């Protein structure tokens, strides 16, 4: 082989080595970052939105319960003895396992 041919061969090998090195680095970076495909990102966004909406709904329900307790107190001159009595007063079914209620003060809180 001529010297010129040898240089061309070395340049081709060097270029191929550089490409392989770049591809390996990109693969390492790509596998290192935990990027999600658009479908996964969309699903995560929907789940997050659902959870935020659920928390907002719980806060709204708690506020409505407080208002119902105050209405009961205004109508009857006392706080309801329990949430069952509040259910009968409002006509709305409550999941009493979600709340802590103190009939002596009329305070209600959501259980954690």
C-alpha atoms as a PDB file:
ATOM      1  CA  UNK A   1       0.000   0.000   0.000  1.00  0.00           C
ATOM      2  CA  UNK A   2       1.105   3.468  -0.673  1.00  0.00           C
ATOM      3  CA  UNK A   3       1.635   6.040   2.025  1.00  0.00           C
ATOM      4  CA  UNK A   4      -1.316   8.072   0.728  1.00  0.00           C
ATOM      5  CA  UNK A   5      -3.617   5.065   0.943  1.00  0.00           C
ATOM      6  CA  UNK A   6      -2.436   4.407   4.494  1.00  0.00           C
ATOM      7  CA  UNK A   7      -3.306   7.986   5.527  1.00  0.00           C
ATOM      8  CA  UNK A   8      -6.777   7.687   4.014  1.00  0.00           C
ATOM      9  CA  UNK A   9      -7.299   4.400   5.826  1.00  0.00           C
ATOM     10  CA  UNK A  10      -6.196   5.939   9.152  1.00  0.00           C
ATOM     11  CA  UNK A  11      -8.487   8.942   8.596  1.00  0.00           C
ATOM     12  CA  UNK A  12     -11.430   6.626   7.872  1.00  0.00           C
ATOM     13  CA  UNK A  13     -10.676   4.577  10.979  1.00  0.00           C
ATOM     14  CA  UNK A  14     -10.316   7.724  13.075  1.00  0.00           C
ATOM     15  CA  UNK A  15     -13.634   9.034  11.778  1.00  0.00           C
ATOM     16  CA  UNK A  16     -15.336   5.712  12.544  1.00  0.00           C
ATOM     17  CA  UNK A  17     -13.797   5.659  16.021  1.00  0.00           C
ATOM     18  CA  UNK A  18     -15.006   9.206  16.637  1.00  0.00           C
ATOM     19  CA  UNK A  19     -18.524   8.250  15.543  1.00  0.00           C
ATOM     20  CA  UNK A  20     -18.502   5.205  17.817  1.00  0.00           C
ATOM     21  CA  UNK A  21     -17.283   7.325  20.752  1.00  0.00           C
ATOM     22  CA  UNK A  22     -20.006   9.924  20.135  1.00  0.00           C
ATOM     23  CA  UNK A  23     -22.679   7.214  19.919  1.00  0.00           C
ATOM     24  CA  UNK A  24     -21.477   5.608  23.158  1.00  0.00           C
ATOM     25  CA  UNK A  25     -21.546   8.969  24.955  1.00  0.00           C
ATOM     26  CA  UNK A  26     -25.056   9.681  23.647  1.00  0.00           C
ATOM     27  CA  UNK A  27     -26.221   6.251  24.765  1.00  0.00           C
ATOM     28  CA  UNK A  28     -24.820   6.834  28.252  1.00  0.00           C
ATOM     29  CA  UNK A  29     -26.507  10.220  28.471  1.00  0.00           C
ATOM     30  CA  UNK A  30     -29.791   8.869  27.110  1.00  0.00           C
ATOM     31  CA  UNK A  31     -29.902   5.925  29.505  1.00  0.00           C
ATOM     32  CA  UNK A  32     -28.871   8.176  32.380  1.00  0.00           C
ATOM     33  CA  UNK A  33     -31.759  10.552  31.892  1.00  0.00           C
ATOM     34  CA  UNK A  34     -35.100   9.027  32.628  1.00  0.00           C
ATOM     35  CA  UNK A  35     -37.046  10.744  29.888  1.00  0.00           C
ATOM     36  CA  UNK A  36     -40.548   9.481  29.324  1.00  0.00           C
ATOM     37  CA  UNK A  37     -42.396   9.122  26.109  1.00  0.00           C
ATOM     38  CA  UNK A  38     -45.298  11.507  25.463  1.00  0.00           C
ATOM     39  CA  UNK A  39     -47.884   8.886  26.430  1.00  0.00           C
ATOM     40  CA  UNK A  40     -46.272   8.345  29.846  1.00  0.00           C
ATOM     41  CA  UNK A  41     -46.001  12.103  30.386  1.00  0.00           C
ATOM     42  CA  UNK A  42     -49.663  12.525  29.470  1.00  0.00           C
ATOM     43  CA  UNK A  43     -50.667   9.746  31.867  1.00  0.00           C
ATOM     44  CA  UNK A  44     -48.621  11.281  34.675  1.00  0.00           C
ATOM     45  CA  UNK A  45     -50.248  14.659  34.031  1.00  0.00           C
ATOM     46  CA  UNK A  46     -53.734  13.129  34.130  1.00  0.00           C
ATOM     47  CA  UNK A  47     -52.997  11.327  37.399  1.00  0.00           C
ATOM     48  CA  UNK A  48     -51.575  14.488  38.966  1.00  0.00           C
ATOM     49  CA  UNK A  49     -54.593  16.515  37.836  1.00  0.00           C
ATOM     50  CA  UNK A  50     -56.978  13.873  39.209  1.00  0.00           C
ATOM     51  CA  UNK A  51     -55.237  13.874  42.588  1.00  0.00           C
ATOM     52  CA  UNK A  52     -55.264  17.686  42.749  1.00  0.00           C
ATOM     53  CA  UNK A  53     -58.960  17.733  41.853  1.00  0.00           C
ATOM     54  CA  UNK A  54     -59.687  15.100  44.482  1.00  0.00           C
ATOM     55  CA  UNK A  55     -57.874  17.153  47.135  1.00  0.00           C
ATOM     56  CA  UNK A  56     -59.806  20.254  46.072  1.00  0.00           C
ATOM     57  CA  UNK A  57     -63.055  18.274  46.284  1.00  0.00           C
ATOM     58  CA  UNK A  58     -62.162  17.056  49.779  1.00  0.00           C
ATOM     59  CA  UNK A  59     -61.462  20.623  50.917  1.00  0.00           C
ATOM     60  CA  UNK A  60     -64.739  21.802  49.402  1.00  0.00           C
ATOM     61  CA  UNK A  61     -66.622  18.966  51.101  1.00  0.00           C
ATOM     62  CA  UNK A  62     -65.031  19.808  54.436  1.00  0.00           C
ATOM     63  CA  UNK A  63     -66.041  23.451  54.026  1.00  0.00           C
ATOM     64  CA  UNK A  64     -69.610  22.379  53.174  1.00  0.00           C
ATOM     65  CA  UNK A  65     -69.701  20.172  56.286  1.00  0.00           C
ATOM     66  CA  UNK A  66     -68.578  23.074  58.461  1.00  0.00           C
ATOM     67  CA  UNK A  67     -71.324  25.229  56.993  1.00  0.00           C
ATOM     68  CA  UNK A  68     -73.876  22.446  57.582  1.00  0.00           C
ATOM     69  CA  UNK A  69     -72.761  22.117  61.200  1.00  0.00           C
ATOM     70  CA  UNK A  70     -73.188  25.881  61.651  1.00  0.00           C
ATOM     71  CA  UNK A  71     -76.649  25.739  60.032  1.00  0.00           C
ATOM     72  CA  UNK A  72     -77.610  22.847  62.338  1.00  0.00           C
ATOM     73  CA  UNK A  73     -76.382  24.848  65.332  1.00  0.00           C
ATOM     74  CA  UNK A  74     -78.328  27.920  64.259  1.00  0.00           C
ATOM     75  CA  UNK A  75     -81.505  25.901  63.719  1.00  0.00           C
ATOM     76  CA  UNK A  76     -81.334  23.731  66.847  1.00  0.00           C
ATOM     77  CA  UNK A  77     -79.229  25.752  69.280  1.00  0.00           C
ATOM     78  CA  UNK A  78     -76.597  23.011  69.617  1.00  0.00           C
ATOM     79  CA  UNK A  79     -74.134  21.052  67.570  1.00  0.00           C
ATOM     80  CA  UNK A  80     -75.075  17.668  66.102  1.00  0.00           C
ATOM     81  CA  UNK A  81     -74.340  14.760  68.441  1.00  0.00           C
ATOM     82  CA  UNK A  82     -72.640  12.906  65.604  1.00  0.00           C
ATOM     83  CA  UNK A  83     -72.310  12.974  61.837  1.00  0.00           C
ATOM     84  CA  UNK A  84     -75.314  10.652  61.490  1.00  0.00           C
ATOM     85  CA  UNK A  85     -77.506  13.383  62.986  1.00  0.00           C
ATOM     86  CA  UNK A  86     -75.956  15.859  60.547  1.00  0.00           C
ATOM     87  CA  UNK A  87     -76.782  13.451  57.691  1.00  0.00           C
ATOM     88  CA  UNK A  88     -80.425  13.385  58.778  1.00  0.00           C
ATOM     89  CA  UNK A  89     -80.482  17.186  58.976  1.00  0.00           C
ATOM     90  CA  UNK A  90     -78.926  17.781  55.540  1.00  0.00           C
ATOM     91  CA  UNK A  91     -80.233  14.736  53.706  1.00  0.00           C
ATOM     92  CA  UNK A  92     -76.722  14.090  52.397  1.00  0.00           C
ATOM     93  CA  UNK A  93     -74.959  10.774  53.028  1.00  0.00           C
ATOM     94  CA  UNK A  94     -71.539  11.231  54.621  1.00  0.00           C
ATOM     95  CA  UNK A  95     -68.564   8.910  54.870  1.00  0.00           C
ATOM     96  CA  UNK A  96     -67.924   9.471  58.561  1.00  0.00           C
ATOM     97  CA  UNK A  97     -64.710   7.427  58.396  1.00  0.00           C
ATOM     98  CA  UNK A  98     -63.108  10.342  56.538  1.00  0.00           C
ATOM     99  CA  UNK A  99     -63.704  12.885  59.306  1.00  0.00           C
ATOM    100  CA  UNK A 100     -62.987  13.522  62.949  1.00  0.00           C
ATOM    101  CA  UNK A 101     -65.867  15.325  64.606  1.00  0.00           C
ATOM    102  CA  UNK A 102     -66.073  16.824  68.095  1.00  0.00           C
ATOM    103  CA  UNK A 103     -69.738  17.334  69.040  1.00  0.00           C
ATOM    104  CA  UNK A 104     -68.858  19.511  72.043  1.00  0.00           C
ATOM    105  CA  UNK A 105     -67.211  22.175  69.871  1.00  0.00           C
ATOM    106  CA  UNK A 106     -68.694  21.441  66.442  1.00  0.00           C
ATOM    107  CA  UNK A 107     -65.193  21.161  65.010  1.00  0.00           C
ATOM    108  CA  UNK A 108     -64.660  18.808  62.105  1.00  0.00           C
ATOM    109  CA  UNK A 109     -61.426  17.831  60.390  1.00  0.00           C
ATOM    110  CA  UNK A 110     -60.438  15.473  57.655  1.00  0.00           C
ATOM    111  CA  UNK A 111     -58.560  12.391  58.772  1.00  0.00           C
ATOM    112  CA  UNK A 112     -55.092  11.966  57.360  1.00  0.00           C
END
